[in-house]
Amino acid sequence: MEHEFYRGLAQRVRDIAQRVDPFTKRRLLKLAERYAVKDVGSEPASTTERPLPIPRPRLHVVLGPEDG
């Protein structure tokens, strides 16, 4: 089912690419290539995991007797 979806999506993008300016056409054809690769399933998932933020404790300022 997923293969049919990406195959159809790639074809629709190629159809749109035939009616636009050269710059957009080039980008759309690259996008269609990526969808075609997903259809084949040879491309691994390209999700980049971001590291979790390092927890930093809040610093409390302690005032001395001379500070008030």
C-alpha atoms as a PDB file:
ATOM      1  CA  MET A   1       0.000   0.000   0.000  1.00  0.00           C
ATOM      2  CA  GLU A   2       2.790   2.431   0.903  1.00  0.00           C
ATOM      3  CA  HIS A   3       4.620   1.589  -2.333  1.00  0.00           C
ATOM      4  CA  GLU A   4       1.588   2.564  -4.404  1.00  0.00           C
ATOM      5  CA  PHE A   5       1.289   5.840  -2.500  1.00  0.00           C
ATOM      6  CA  TYR A   6       4.894   6.894  -3.182  1.00  0.00           C
ATOM      7  CA  ARG A   7       4.750   5.708  -6.784  1.00  0.00           C
ATOM      8  CA  GLY A   8       1.637   7.814  -7.390  1.00  0.00           C
ATOM      9  CA  LEU A   9       3.097  10.780  -5.561  1.00  0.00           C
ATOM     10  CA  ALA A  10       6.284  10.639  -7.640  1.00  0.00           C
ATOM     11  CA  GLN A  11       4.230  10.541 -10.840  1.00  0.00           C
ATOM     12  CA  ARG A  12       2.108  13.531  -9.783  1.00  0.00           C
ATOM     13  CA  VAL A  13       5.234  15.530  -8.965  1.00  0.00           C
ATOM     14  CA  ARG A  14       6.711  14.653 -12.386  1.00  0.00           C
ATOM     15  CA  ASP A  15       3.489  15.774 -14.079  1.00  0.00           C
ATOM     16  CA  ILE A  16       3.599  19.117 -12.260  1.00  0.00           C
ATOM     17  CA  ALA A  17       7.291  19.505 -13.132  1.00  0.00           C
ATOM     18  CA  GLN A  18       6.434  19.514 -16.841  1.00  0.00           C
ATOM     19  CA  ARG A  19       4.428  22.745 -16.439  1.00  0.00           C
ATOM     20  CA  VAL A  20       6.766  24.960 -14.408  1.00  0.00           C
ATOM     21  CA  ASP A  21       9.917  27.023 -14.849  1.00  0.00           C
ATOM     22  CA  PRO A  22      13.319  25.264 -15.176  1.00  0.00           C
ATOM     23  CA  PHE A  23      14.467  25.991 -11.611  1.00  0.00           C
ATOM     24  CA  THR A  24      11.293  24.614 -10.031  1.00  0.00           C
ATOM     25  CA  LYS A  25      11.255  21.726 -12.497  1.00  0.00           C
ATOM     26  CA  ARG A  26      14.734  20.647 -11.414  1.00  0.00           C
ATOM     27  CA  ARG A  27      13.721  20.723  -7.739  1.00  0.00           C
ATOM     28  CA  LEU A  28      10.485  18.848  -8.367  1.00  0.00           C
ATOM     29  CA  LEU A  29      12.277  16.137 -10.329  1.00  0.00           C
ATOM     30  CA  LYS A  30      14.712  15.671  -7.435  1.00  0.00           C
ATOM     31  CA  LEU A  31      11.739  15.381  -5.102  1.00  0.00           C
ATOM     32  CA  ALA A  32      10.135  12.807  -7.390  1.00  0.00           C
ATOM     33  CA  GLU A  33      13.404  10.837  -7.292  1.00  0.00           C
ATOM     34  CA  ARG A  34      13.287  10.782  -3.508  1.00  0.00           C
ATOM     35  CA  TYR A  35       9.712   9.513  -3.581  1.00  0.00           C
ATOM     36  CA  ALA A  36      10.688   6.847  -6.116  1.00  0.00           C
ATOM     37  CA  VAL A  37      13.502   5.693  -3.825  1.00  0.00           C
ATOM     38  CA  LYS A  38      11.033   5.445  -0.938  1.00  0.00           C
ATOM     39  CA  ASP A  39       8.815   3.367  -3.211  1.00  0.00           C
ATOM     40  CA  VAL A  40      11.644   0.905  -3.734  1.00  0.00           C
ATOM     41  CA  GLY A  41      12.445   0.958  -0.028  1.00  0.00           C
ATOM     42  CA  SER A  42      16.215   0.987  -0.461  1.00  0.00           C
ATOM     43  CA  GLU A  43      16.723   4.281   1.342  1.00  0.00           C
ATOM     44  CA  PRO A  44      17.022   4.066   5.114  1.00  0.00           C
ATOM     45  CA  ALA A  45      14.946   6.393   7.208  1.00  0.00           C
ATOM     46  CA  SER A  46      16.644   9.761   7.279  1.00  0.00           C
ATOM     47  CA  THR A  47      15.520  10.906  10.676  1.00  0.00           C
ATOM     48  CA  THR A  48      18.180  12.767  12.552  1.00  0.00           C
ATOM     49  CA  GLU A  49      17.884  12.515  16.282  1.00  0.00           C
ATOM     50  CA  ARG A  50      18.812  15.563  18.249  1.00  0.00           C
ATOM     51  CA  PRO A  51      20.488  15.062  21.602  1.00  0.00           C
ATOM     52  CA  LEU A  52      18.495  15.861  24.691  1.00  0.00           C
ATOM     53  CA  PRO A  53      19.365  19.165  26.336  1.00  0.00           C
ATOM     54  CA  ILE A  54      21.687  18.983  29.317  1.00  0.00           C
ATOM     55  CA  PRO A  55      19.771  19.875  32.465  1.00  0.00           C
ATOM     56  CA  ARG A  56      21.331  22.841  34.208  1.00  0.00           C
ATOM     57  CA  PRO A  57      20.389  23.510  37.803  1.00  0.00           C
ATOM     58  CA  ARG A  58      19.212  26.988  38.664  1.00  0.00           C
ATOM     59  CA  LEU A  59      21.735  28.960  40.649  1.00  0.00           C
ATOM     60  CA  HIS A  60      20.470  30.679  43.772  1.00  0.00           C
ATOM     61  CA  VAL A  61      22.166  33.835  44.915  1.00  0.00           C
ATOM     62  CA  VAL A  62      22.707  33.935  48.645  1.00  0.00           C
ATOM     63  CA  LEU A  63      23.091  37.429  50.009  1.00  0.00           C
ATOM     64  CA  GLY A  64      25.487  37.967  52.853  1.00  0.00           C
ATOM     65  CA  PRO A  65      24.964  40.271  55.812  1.00  0.00           C
ATOM     66  CA  GLU A  66      26.747  43.135  54.017  1.00  0.00           C
ATOM     67  CA  ASP A  67      24.504  42.832  50.909  1.00  0.00           C
ATOM     68  CA  GLY A  68      21.391  43.619  52.695  1.00  0.00           C
END
